[in-house]
N, C-alpha and C. Protein backbone atom coordinates (compact mmCIF):
# COMPACT_ATOMS: atom_id res chain seq x y z
N UNK A 1 1.42 -10.74 6.85
CA UNK A 1 0.03 -11.07 7.07
C UNK A 1 -0.83 -10.08 6.30
N UNK A 2 -1.78 -10.56 5.54
CA UNK A 2 -2.63 -9.67 4.77
C UNK A 2 -3.71 -9.07 5.65
N UNK A 3 -4.39 -8.03 5.14
CA UNK A 3 -5.46 -7.39 5.88
C UNK A 3 -6.56 -8.41 6.21
N UNK A 4 -6.87 -9.27 5.24
CA UNK A 4 -7.89 -10.29 5.46
C UNK A 4 -7.49 -11.24 6.58
N UNK A 5 -6.20 -11.64 6.58
CA UNK A 5 -5.73 -12.53 7.64
C UNK A 5 -5.81 -11.85 9.00
N UNK A 6 -5.46 -10.56 9.05
CA UNK A 6 -5.56 -9.83 10.32
C UNK A 6 -7.00 -9.83 10.82
N UNK A 7 -7.93 -9.51 9.91
CA UNK A 7 -9.34 -9.48 10.30
C UNK A 7 -9.80 -10.86 10.76
N UNK A 8 -9.39 -11.88 10.03
CA UNK A 8 -9.82 -13.23 10.34
C UNK A 8 -9.31 -13.66 11.71
N UNK A 9 -8.08 -13.33 12.01
CA UNK A 9 -7.49 -13.75 13.27
C UNK A 9 -7.78 -12.78 14.41
N UNK A 10 -8.46 -11.69 14.09
CA UNK A 10 -8.79 -10.73 15.13
C UNK A 10 -7.61 -9.90 15.59
N UNK A 11 -6.57 -9.80 14.77
CA UNK A 11 -5.38 -9.03 15.12
C UNK A 11 -5.71 -7.55 14.99
N UNK A 12 -5.60 -6.82 16.08
CA UNK A 12 -6.03 -5.42 16.12
C UNK A 12 -4.83 -4.48 16.16
N UNK A 13 -5.07 -3.19 15.93
CA UNK A 13 -3.98 -2.22 16.09
C UNK A 13 -3.40 -2.24 17.51
N UNK A 14 -4.24 -2.46 18.51
CA UNK A 14 -3.74 -2.55 19.89
C UNK A 14 -2.81 -3.74 20.07
N UNK A 15 -3.16 -4.87 19.40
CA UNK A 15 -2.28 -6.04 19.44
C UNK A 15 -0.92 -5.71 18.82
N UNK A 16 -0.96 -4.98 17.70
CA UNK A 16 0.29 -4.61 17.03
C UNK A 16 1.16 -3.75 17.94
N UNK A 17 0.55 -2.75 18.59
CA UNK A 17 1.32 -1.90 19.50
C UNK A 17 1.94 -2.72 20.63
N UNK A 18 1.18 -3.64 21.19
CA UNK A 18 1.69 -4.47 22.28
C UNK A 18 2.83 -5.36 21.78
N UNK A 19 2.65 -5.97 20.61
CA UNK A 19 3.70 -6.82 20.04
C UNK A 19 4.96 -6.01 19.74
N UNK A 20 4.78 -4.81 19.19
CA UNK A 20 5.92 -3.96 18.86
C UNK A 20 6.69 -3.55 20.10
N UNK A 21 5.97 -3.22 21.15
CA UNK A 21 6.60 -2.81 22.40
C UNK A 21 7.42 -3.95 23.01
N UNK A 22 6.94 -5.18 22.83
CA UNK A 22 7.61 -6.35 23.41
C UNK A 22 8.73 -6.90 22.52
N UNK A 23 8.80 -6.46 21.26
CA UNK A 23 9.77 -6.99 20.30
C UNK A 23 11.09 -6.23 20.42
N UNK A 24 12.09 -6.86 21.00
CA UNK A 24 13.37 -6.22 21.27
C UNK A 24 14.06 -5.75 19.98
N UNK A 25 13.99 -6.54 18.93
CA UNK A 25 14.62 -6.16 17.66
C UNK A 25 13.93 -4.94 17.06
N UNK A 26 12.60 -4.95 17.07
CA UNK A 26 11.85 -3.79 16.57
C UNK A 26 12.23 -2.54 17.36
N UNK A 27 12.30 -2.66 18.67
CA UNK A 27 12.63 -1.52 19.52
C UNK A 27 14.04 -0.99 19.23
N UNK A 28 14.99 -1.87 18.96
CA UNK A 28 16.35 -1.44 18.61
C UNK A 28 16.36 -0.72 17.27
N UNK A 29 15.61 -1.24 16.29
CA UNK A 29 15.51 -0.57 14.99
C UNK A 29 14.89 0.81 15.16
N UNK A 30 13.81 0.88 15.93
CA UNK A 30 13.12 2.14 16.17
C UNK A 30 14.06 3.15 16.85
N UNK A 31 14.78 2.70 17.87
CA UNK A 31 15.69 3.60 18.59
C UNK A 31 16.76 4.14 17.65
N UNK A 32 17.31 3.27 16.80
CA UNK A 32 18.34 3.73 15.87
C UNK A 32 17.75 4.72 14.87
N UNK A 33 16.57 4.43 14.34
CA UNK A 33 15.91 5.34 13.42
C UNK A 33 15.70 6.70 14.06
N UNK A 34 15.17 6.72 15.27
CA UNK A 34 14.87 7.97 15.94
C UNK A 34 16.13 8.77 16.25
N UNK A 35 17.22 8.09 16.54
CA UNK A 35 18.47 8.75 16.89
C UNK A 35 19.26 9.22 15.66
N UNK A 36 19.20 8.44 14.57
CA UNK A 36 20.08 8.70 13.43
C UNK A 36 19.38 9.24 12.18
N UNK A 37 18.08 9.30 12.17
CA UNK A 37 17.40 9.87 10.99
C UNK A 37 17.79 11.34 10.87
N UNK A 38 18.29 11.75 9.70
CA UNK A 38 18.76 13.13 9.52
C UNK A 38 17.60 14.11 9.31
N UNK A 39 16.85 14.33 10.38
CA UNK A 39 15.65 15.17 10.34
C UNK A 39 15.96 16.51 10.99
N UNK A 40 15.58 17.57 10.30
CA UNK A 40 15.78 18.92 10.81
C UNK A 40 14.46 19.50 11.28
N UNK A 41 14.54 20.51 12.12
CA UNK A 41 13.35 21.07 12.78
C UNK A 41 12.26 21.53 11.82
N UNK A 42 12.63 22.08 10.65
CA UNK A 42 11.62 22.60 9.73
C UNK A 42 11.25 21.60 8.62
N UNK A 43 11.63 20.33 8.78
CA UNK A 43 11.36 19.31 7.76
C UNK A 43 9.91 18.83 7.77
N UNK A 44 9.48 18.39 6.58
CA UNK A 44 8.26 17.61 6.44
C UNK A 44 8.69 16.17 6.22
N UNK A 45 8.18 15.28 7.04
CA UNK A 45 8.56 13.87 7.00
C UNK A 45 7.35 13.03 6.63
N UNK A 46 7.55 12.07 5.74
CA UNK A 46 6.51 11.11 5.40
C UNK A 46 6.88 9.78 6.05
N UNK A 47 5.96 9.23 6.83
CA UNK A 47 6.11 7.90 7.43
C UNK A 47 5.20 6.98 6.63
N UNK A 48 5.79 6.27 5.68
CA UNK A 48 5.02 5.42 4.78
C UNK A 48 4.86 4.04 5.42
N UNK A 49 3.65 3.51 5.38
CA UNK A 49 3.37 2.26 6.09
C UNK A 49 3.30 2.54 7.57
N UNK A 50 2.69 3.66 7.94
CA UNK A 50 2.70 4.15 9.32
C UNK A 50 2.01 3.22 10.31
N UNK A 51 1.10 2.38 9.83
CA UNK A 51 0.42 1.46 10.74
C UNK A 51 -0.32 2.19 11.84
N UNK A 52 0.07 1.95 13.07
CA UNK A 52 -0.60 2.59 14.22
C UNK A 52 0.04 3.92 14.60
N UNK A 53 0.95 4.41 13.78
CA UNK A 53 1.55 5.71 14.01
C UNK A 53 2.69 5.74 15.00
N UNK A 54 3.25 4.59 15.35
CA UNK A 54 4.31 4.53 16.35
C UNK A 54 5.46 5.48 15.98
N UNK A 55 5.98 5.34 14.77
CA UNK A 55 7.12 6.14 14.34
C UNK A 55 6.72 7.59 14.11
N UNK A 56 5.59 7.80 13.44
CA UNK A 56 5.14 9.16 13.14
C UNK A 56 4.99 9.99 14.42
N UNK A 57 4.40 9.41 15.44
CA UNK A 57 4.18 10.13 16.68
C UNK A 57 5.50 10.42 17.41
N UNK A 58 6.46 9.52 17.30
CA UNK A 58 7.77 9.76 17.91
C UNK A 58 8.54 10.85 17.16
N UNK A 59 8.38 10.90 15.84
CA UNK A 59 9.11 11.88 15.03
C UNK A 59 8.53 13.29 15.13
N UNK A 60 7.29 13.40 15.59
CA UNK A 60 6.60 14.69 15.61
C UNK A 60 7.36 15.77 16.36
N UNK A 61 8.07 15.40 17.42
CA UNK A 61 8.81 16.40 18.20
C UNK A 61 10.09 16.85 17.52
N UNK A 62 10.50 16.15 16.45
CA UNK A 62 11.76 16.44 15.79
C UNK A 62 11.63 17.30 14.54
N UNK A 63 10.39 17.53 14.06
CA UNK A 63 10.23 18.19 12.77
C UNK A 63 8.97 19.06 12.75
N UNK A 64 8.77 19.72 11.63
CA UNK A 64 7.63 20.61 11.49
C UNK A 64 6.32 19.84 11.32
N UNK A 65 6.34 18.81 10.47
CA UNK A 65 5.11 18.08 10.17
C UNK A 65 5.45 16.65 9.78
N UNK A 66 4.63 15.71 10.22
CA UNK A 66 4.76 14.31 9.81
C UNK A 66 3.47 13.90 9.12
N UNK A 67 3.61 13.29 7.95
CA UNK A 67 2.48 12.75 7.20
C UNK A 67 2.55 11.23 7.29
N UNK A 68 1.65 10.63 8.05
CA UNK A 68 1.60 9.17 8.17
C UNK A 68 0.70 8.62 7.08
N UNK A 69 1.18 7.63 6.33
CA UNK A 69 0.40 7.04 5.24
C UNK A 69 0.36 5.53 5.41
N UNK A 70 -0.83 4.97 5.19
CA UNK A 70 -1.01 3.53 5.29
C UNK A 70 -2.21 3.13 4.44
N UNK A 71 -2.36 1.83 4.21
CA UNK A 71 -3.48 1.35 3.38
C UNK A 71 -4.64 0.81 4.21
N UNK A 72 -4.47 0.73 5.53
CA UNK A 72 -5.50 0.14 6.37
C UNK A 72 -6.24 1.21 7.16
N UNK A 73 -7.50 1.42 6.84
CA UNK A 73 -8.30 2.48 7.45
C UNK A 73 -8.43 2.33 8.97
N UNK A 74 -8.63 1.10 9.44
CA UNK A 74 -8.78 0.89 10.89
C UNK A 74 -7.52 1.32 11.64
N UNK A 75 -6.36 1.04 11.07
CA UNK A 75 -5.10 1.39 11.72
C UNK A 75 -4.90 2.90 11.68
N UNK A 76 -5.29 3.55 10.59
CA UNK A 76 -5.19 5.00 10.50
C UNK A 76 -6.10 5.68 11.53
N UNK A 77 -7.31 5.17 11.70
CA UNK A 77 -8.21 5.72 12.72
C UNK A 77 -7.58 5.61 14.10
N UNK A 78 -7.00 4.47 14.38
CA UNK A 78 -6.35 4.25 15.68
C UNK A 78 -5.17 5.22 15.86
N UNK A 79 -4.37 5.42 14.81
CA UNK A 79 -3.24 6.35 14.88
C UNK A 79 -3.74 7.77 15.15
N UNK A 80 -4.82 8.17 14.50
CA UNK A 80 -5.40 9.50 14.74
C UNK A 80 -5.84 9.65 16.20
N UNK A 81 -6.47 8.61 16.73
CA UNK A 81 -6.92 8.64 18.13
C UNK A 81 -5.72 8.80 19.07
N UNK A 82 -4.63 8.09 18.80
CA UNK A 82 -3.44 8.20 19.64
C UNK A 82 -2.87 9.62 19.58
N UNK A 83 -2.84 10.21 18.38
CA UNK A 83 -2.33 11.58 18.25
C UNK A 83 -3.19 12.56 19.04
N UNK A 84 -4.50 12.37 18.96
CA UNK A 84 -5.42 13.25 19.69
C UNK A 84 -5.25 13.08 21.20
N UNK A 85 -5.15 11.85 21.66
CA UNK A 85 -4.98 11.59 23.10
C UNK A 85 -3.70 12.21 23.62
N UNK A 86 -2.66 12.26 22.79
CA UNK A 86 -1.36 12.81 23.21
C UNK A 86 -1.23 14.30 22.87
N UNK A 87 -2.29 14.87 22.31
CA UNK A 87 -2.29 16.29 21.91
C UNK A 87 -1.15 16.63 20.96
N UNK A 88 -0.88 15.72 20.01
CA UNK A 88 0.14 15.95 18.99
C UNK A 88 -0.58 16.48 17.75
N UNK A 89 -0.29 17.72 17.41
CA UNK A 89 -1.04 18.38 16.35
C UNK A 89 -0.31 18.50 15.03
N UNK A 90 0.98 18.19 15.00
CA UNK A 90 1.73 18.33 13.74
C UNK A 90 1.90 17.00 13.00
N UNK A 91 0.98 16.08 13.23
CA UNK A 91 0.95 14.79 12.53
C UNK A 91 -0.41 14.64 11.89
N UNK A 92 -0.42 14.19 10.64
CA UNK A 92 -1.69 13.87 10.00
C UNK A 92 -1.59 12.49 9.38
N UNK A 93 -2.69 11.77 9.41
CA UNK A 93 -2.72 10.40 8.90
C UNK A 93 -3.74 10.32 7.78
N UNK A 94 -3.34 9.64 6.69
CA UNK A 94 -4.24 9.49 5.55
C UNK A 94 -3.85 8.23 4.79
N UNK A 95 -4.73 7.84 3.89
CA UNK A 95 -4.50 6.67 3.06
C UNK A 95 -3.35 6.94 2.09
N UNK A 96 -2.49 5.96 1.90
CA UNK A 96 -1.39 6.07 0.96
C UNK A 96 -0.60 4.78 0.93
N UNK A 97 0.07 4.53 -0.19
CA UNK A 97 0.85 3.31 -0.37
C UNK A 97 2.22 3.67 -0.93
N UNK A 98 3.08 2.68 -1.05
CA UNK A 98 4.39 2.93 -1.63
C UNK A 98 4.26 3.45 -3.06
N UNK A 99 3.41 2.81 -3.84
CA UNK A 99 3.25 3.22 -5.24
C UNK A 99 2.53 4.55 -5.37
N UNK A 100 1.61 4.82 -4.46
CA UNK A 100 0.84 6.07 -4.50
C UNK A 100 0.76 6.63 -3.08
N UNK A 101 1.81 7.36 -2.66
CA UNK A 101 1.88 7.84 -1.28
C UNK A 101 0.81 8.86 -0.90
N UNK A 102 0.15 9.47 -1.88
CA UNK A 102 -0.90 10.45 -1.59
C UNK A 102 -0.34 11.65 -0.83
N UNK A 103 0.75 12.20 -1.37
CA UNK A 103 1.40 13.36 -0.76
C UNK A 103 1.55 14.42 -1.84
N UNK A 104 1.01 15.59 -1.58
CA UNK A 104 1.06 16.68 -2.56
C UNK A 104 2.13 17.72 -2.24
N UNK A 105 2.54 17.83 -0.99
CA UNK A 105 3.48 18.88 -0.60
C UNK A 105 4.92 18.39 -0.70
N UNK A 106 5.88 19.34 -0.74
CA UNK A 106 7.29 18.96 -0.77
C UNK A 106 7.68 18.16 0.48
N UNK A 107 8.53 17.18 0.29
CA UNK A 107 8.94 16.26 1.36
C UNK A 107 10.45 16.33 1.52
N UNK A 108 10.89 16.36 2.77
CA UNK A 108 12.33 16.38 3.05
C UNK A 108 12.88 14.99 3.36
N UNK A 109 12.14 14.22 4.14
CA UNK A 109 12.60 12.91 4.60
C UNK A 109 11.44 11.92 4.49
N UNK A 110 11.75 10.72 4.03
CA UNK A 110 10.78 9.62 4.03
C UNK A 110 11.33 8.53 4.94
N UNK A 111 10.48 8.03 5.84
CA UNK A 111 10.85 6.88 6.66
C UNK A 111 9.89 5.74 6.36
N UNK A 112 10.43 4.55 6.38
CA UNK A 112 9.62 3.33 6.21
C UNK A 112 10.09 2.36 7.28
N UNK A 113 9.19 2.01 8.17
CA UNK A 113 9.54 1.16 9.30
C UNK A 113 8.71 -0.11 9.27
N UNK A 114 9.40 -1.23 9.09
CA UNK A 114 8.77 -2.55 9.08
C UNK A 114 7.58 -2.59 8.12
N UNK A 115 7.78 -2.04 6.92
CA UNK A 115 6.72 -2.04 5.92
C UNK A 115 7.24 -2.40 4.53
N UNK A 116 8.43 -1.93 4.19
CA UNK A 116 8.96 -2.13 2.85
C UNK A 116 9.19 -3.61 2.52
N UNK A 117 9.57 -4.38 3.52
CA UNK A 117 9.81 -5.80 3.26
C UNK A 117 8.56 -6.51 2.76
N UNK A 118 7.38 -5.99 3.13
CA UNK A 118 6.13 -6.62 2.69
C UNK A 118 5.96 -6.53 1.18
N UNK A 119 6.46 -5.46 0.56
CA UNK A 119 6.39 -5.35 -0.89
C UNK A 119 7.19 -6.48 -1.53
N UNK A 120 8.36 -6.76 -0.98
CA UNK A 120 9.19 -7.84 -1.50
C UNK A 120 8.53 -9.19 -1.26
N UNK A 121 7.97 -9.38 -0.08
CA UNK A 121 7.32 -10.63 0.26
C UNK A 121 6.14 -10.91 -0.68
N UNK A 122 5.44 -9.85 -1.07
CA UNK A 122 4.26 -10.01 -1.92
C UNK A 122 4.59 -10.13 -3.40
N UNK A 123 5.67 -9.46 -3.87
CA UNK A 123 5.92 -9.45 -5.31
C UNK A 123 7.36 -9.48 -5.73
N UNK A 124 8.25 -9.87 -4.83
CA UNK A 124 9.65 -10.00 -5.18
C UNK A 124 10.31 -8.68 -5.54
N UNK A 125 11.38 -8.79 -6.31
CA UNK A 125 12.17 -7.61 -6.65
C UNK A 125 11.38 -6.59 -7.48
N UNK A 126 10.47 -7.07 -8.33
CA UNK A 126 9.67 -6.17 -9.16
C UNK A 126 8.82 -5.25 -8.29
N UNK A 127 8.15 -5.81 -7.29
CA UNK A 127 7.30 -5.02 -6.41
C UNK A 127 8.13 -4.11 -5.50
N UNK A 128 9.27 -4.61 -5.05
CA UNK A 128 10.16 -3.79 -4.21
C UNK A 128 10.68 -2.60 -5.01
N UNK A 129 11.05 -2.82 -6.27
CA UNK A 129 11.51 -1.72 -7.13
C UNK A 129 10.41 -0.67 -7.29
N UNK A 130 9.17 -1.12 -7.53
CA UNK A 130 8.06 -0.19 -7.68
C UNK A 130 7.83 0.61 -6.40
N UNK A 131 7.99 -0.04 -5.25
CA UNK A 131 7.82 0.63 -3.96
C UNK A 131 8.88 1.71 -3.77
N UNK A 132 10.13 1.38 -4.03
CA UNK A 132 11.22 2.34 -3.88
C UNK A 132 11.08 3.48 -4.89
N UNK A 133 10.68 3.15 -6.12
CA UNK A 133 10.45 4.20 -7.12
C UNK A 133 9.33 5.14 -6.69
N UNK A 134 8.29 4.60 -6.04
CA UNK A 134 7.20 5.44 -5.54
C UNK A 134 7.68 6.41 -4.48
N UNK A 135 8.57 5.94 -3.61
CA UNK A 135 9.14 6.81 -2.58
C UNK A 135 10.09 7.84 -3.20
N UNK A 136 10.87 7.40 -4.17
CA UNK A 136 11.81 8.31 -4.84
C UNK A 136 11.06 9.44 -5.56
N UNK A 137 9.86 9.16 -6.05
CA UNK A 137 9.06 10.17 -6.76
C UNK A 137 8.69 11.33 -5.84
N UNK A 138 8.73 11.13 -4.53
CA UNK A 138 8.47 12.21 -3.58
C UNK A 138 9.65 13.20 -3.51
N UNK A 139 10.77 12.79 -4.09
CA UNK A 139 11.98 13.60 -4.15
C UNK A 139 12.49 14.04 -2.76
N UNK A 140 12.58 13.09 -1.82
CA UNK A 140 13.09 13.46 -0.49
C UNK A 140 14.60 13.66 -0.52
N UNK A 141 15.07 14.43 0.42
CA UNK A 141 16.51 14.60 0.62
C UNK A 141 17.10 13.32 1.21
N UNK A 142 16.32 12.68 2.11
CA UNK A 142 16.77 11.47 2.80
C UNK A 142 15.68 10.40 2.78
N UNK A 143 16.12 9.16 2.79
CA UNK A 143 15.23 8.01 2.94
C UNK A 143 15.82 7.15 4.05
N UNK A 144 15.00 6.82 5.05
CA UNK A 144 15.44 5.98 6.16
C UNK A 144 14.54 4.76 6.21
N UNK A 145 15.16 3.58 6.14
CA UNK A 145 14.42 2.32 6.16
C UNK A 145 14.85 1.53 7.39
N UNK A 146 13.92 1.29 8.31
CA UNK A 146 14.16 0.42 9.46
C UNK A 146 13.27 -0.78 9.23
N UNK A 147 13.86 -1.92 8.91
CA UNK A 147 13.00 -2.98 8.38
C UNK A 147 13.62 -4.36 8.56
N UNK A 148 12.83 -5.32 8.14
CA UNK A 148 13.31 -6.69 8.05
C UNK A 148 14.07 -6.80 6.74
N UNK A 149 15.38 -7.04 6.86
CA UNK A 149 16.28 -7.11 5.71
C UNK A 149 17.22 -8.28 5.97
N UNK A 150 17.50 -9.05 4.95
CA UNK A 150 18.41 -10.18 5.12
C UNK A 150 19.85 -9.71 4.96
N UNK A 151 20.56 -9.64 6.09
CA UNK A 151 21.97 -9.27 6.09
C UNK A 151 22.85 -10.52 6.10
N UNK A 152 22.30 -11.62 6.57
CA UNK A 152 23.08 -12.83 6.71
C UNK A 152 23.06 -13.66 5.44
N UNK A 153 23.44 -14.93 5.58
CA UNK A 153 23.46 -15.83 4.43
C UNK A 153 22.05 -16.05 3.88
N UNK A 154 21.98 -16.76 2.81
CA UNK A 154 20.70 -17.02 2.15
C UNK A 154 19.67 -17.50 3.15
N UNK A 155 18.49 -16.93 3.04
CA UNK A 155 17.41 -17.23 3.98
C UNK A 155 16.89 -18.64 3.79
N UNK A 156 16.63 -19.29 4.90
CA UNK A 156 15.96 -20.58 4.87
C UNK A 156 14.49 -20.33 4.58
N UNK A 157 13.93 -21.00 3.59
CA UNK A 157 12.52 -20.75 3.25
C UNK A 157 11.60 -21.01 4.45
N UNK A 158 10.62 -20.12 4.61
CA UNK A 158 9.62 -20.30 5.65
C UNK A 158 8.25 -20.04 5.05
N UNK A 159 7.22 -20.43 5.77
CA UNK A 159 5.87 -20.17 5.31
C UNK A 159 5.44 -18.75 5.65
N UNK A 160 6.23 -18.06 6.48
CA UNK A 160 5.80 -16.77 7.01
C UNK A 160 6.10 -15.61 6.06
N UNK A 161 7.38 -15.41 5.70
CA UNK A 161 7.73 -14.28 4.85
C UNK A 161 9.09 -14.49 4.20
N UNK A 162 9.28 -13.81 3.08
CA UNK A 162 10.55 -13.81 2.38
C UNK A 162 11.13 -12.41 2.47
N UNK A 163 12.37 -12.30 2.92
CA UNK A 163 12.98 -11.00 3.13
C UNK A 163 13.94 -10.64 2.00
N UNK A 164 13.98 -9.37 1.62
CA UNK A 164 14.95 -8.94 0.61
C UNK A 164 16.35 -8.89 1.21
N UNK A 165 17.35 -9.13 0.37
CA UNK A 165 18.72 -9.05 0.85
C UNK A 165 19.17 -7.59 0.86
N UNK A 166 20.17 -7.32 1.66
CA UNK A 166 20.76 -5.98 1.73
C UNK A 166 21.24 -5.57 0.34
N UNK A 167 21.86 -6.49 -0.39
CA UNK A 167 22.37 -6.20 -1.73
C UNK A 167 21.27 -5.79 -2.69
N UNK A 168 20.14 -6.48 -2.62
CA UNK A 168 19.01 -6.15 -3.49
C UNK A 168 18.50 -4.74 -3.20
N UNK A 169 18.31 -4.43 -1.92
CA UNK A 169 17.82 -3.10 -1.56
C UNK A 169 18.84 -2.03 -1.96
N UNK A 170 20.12 -2.26 -1.72
CA UNK A 170 21.15 -1.28 -2.07
C UNK A 170 21.15 -1.01 -3.57
N UNK A 171 21.02 -2.04 -4.37
CA UNK A 171 20.99 -1.88 -5.83
C UNK A 171 19.77 -1.08 -6.26
N UNK A 172 18.59 -1.41 -5.70
CA UNK A 172 17.38 -0.70 -6.08
C UNK A 172 17.41 0.75 -5.62
N UNK A 173 17.99 1.02 -4.46
CA UNK A 173 18.14 2.40 -4.01
C UNK A 173 19.06 3.17 -4.96
N UNK A 174 20.17 2.55 -5.35
CA UNK A 174 21.10 3.20 -6.29
C UNK A 174 20.41 3.47 -7.62
N UNK A 175 19.64 2.51 -8.09
CA UNK A 175 18.91 2.68 -9.35
C UNK A 175 17.93 3.86 -9.27
N UNK A 176 17.42 4.15 -8.07
CA UNK A 176 16.47 5.24 -7.87
C UNK A 176 17.18 6.55 -7.54
N UNK A 177 18.53 6.55 -7.59
CA UNK A 177 19.28 7.77 -7.38
C UNK A 177 19.74 8.02 -5.95
N UNK A 178 19.60 7.03 -5.07
CA UNK A 178 20.01 7.18 -3.68
C UNK A 178 21.42 6.63 -3.45
N UNK A 179 22.10 7.19 -2.46
CA UNK A 179 23.39 6.69 -2.02
C UNK A 179 23.29 6.35 -0.54
N UNK A 180 23.65 5.13 -0.19
CA UNK A 180 23.63 4.74 1.22
C UNK A 180 24.71 5.50 1.98
N UNK A 181 24.33 6.06 3.13
CA UNK A 181 25.30 6.76 3.97
C UNK A 181 25.48 6.08 5.32
N UNK A 182 24.56 5.18 5.67
CA UNK A 182 24.63 4.52 6.97
C UNK A 182 23.89 3.20 6.89
N UNK A 183 24.49 2.16 7.42
CA UNK A 183 23.87 0.84 7.53
C UNK A 183 24.09 0.35 8.94
N UNK A 184 23.01 0.08 9.64
CA UNK A 184 23.10 -0.45 11.01
C UNK A 184 22.46 -1.82 11.03
N UNK A 185 23.27 -2.84 11.22
CA UNK A 185 22.76 -4.22 11.28
C UNK A 185 22.38 -4.51 12.72
N UNK A 186 21.10 -4.76 12.94
CA UNK A 186 20.61 -5.09 14.29
C UNK A 186 20.71 -6.60 14.50
N UNK A 187 20.22 -7.37 13.53
CA UNK A 187 20.36 -8.83 13.52
C UNK A 187 20.61 -9.25 12.08
N UNK A 188 20.74 -10.54 11.83
CA UNK A 188 20.91 -11.01 10.45
C UNK A 188 19.67 -10.74 9.60
N UNK A 189 18.55 -10.41 10.25
CA UNK A 189 17.31 -10.20 9.48
C UNK A 189 16.61 -8.88 9.79
N UNK A 190 17.33 -7.92 10.34
CA UNK A 190 16.73 -6.61 10.60
C UNK A 190 17.81 -5.56 10.75
N UNK A 191 17.50 -4.35 10.29
CA UNK A 191 18.45 -3.27 10.41
C UNK A 191 17.89 -1.97 9.90
N UNK A 192 18.75 -0.96 9.86
CA UNK A 192 18.35 0.39 9.45
C UNK A 192 19.29 0.87 8.36
N UNK A 193 18.72 1.40 7.28
CA UNK A 193 19.48 1.97 6.18
C UNK A 193 19.14 3.45 6.08
N UNK A 194 20.15 4.28 5.87
CA UNK A 194 19.96 5.70 5.66
C UNK A 194 20.56 6.03 4.30
N UNK A 195 19.78 6.68 3.45
CA UNK A 195 20.24 6.99 2.10
C UNK A 195 19.88 8.42 1.74
N UNK A 196 20.69 9.03 0.89
CA UNK A 196 20.44 10.41 0.45
C UNK A 196 20.47 10.48 -1.06
N UNK A 197 19.95 11.62 -1.59
CA UNK A 197 19.98 11.85 -3.04
C UNK A 197 20.67 13.17 -3.31
């Protein structure tokens, strides 16, 4: 769904949080990411496509600093409010995208949760490659992707979204210098990938 569609339909950050909390598959992906992301106490983590900050705020207790990046200002404001309400001080939220993450400091781990598939949906393999290359330019030790990924047979076309295959993502990660170390299939269309360089 594009930003314009969200505005038109009145879909708010609060709606997203409620939907995410009720989505069993999303919750399983999130739990696996939080449990298996190779994050150390002194790491700086970038949560790209942070949205309402769900992942960034959960990761804050595991590392030194989390940088949440997103393209939607309203969602970033909401994420900042949540961090303030919870008195979480080692998270910062700012504008950033896959191609231009807007990160100046050294990064140890990059996480992307339910965001990377949108690059593929919008521009196919070319856009997905550019997104992964943008993340690789941050030179992280680890990349963790918890996302909508096609693990099963060829996807039946829908009007909603087109998902990248596991093979496509694995190839693009390898092209960017990453090696997959863990693959957790949650469903035929969602899972978690952990890769290192």
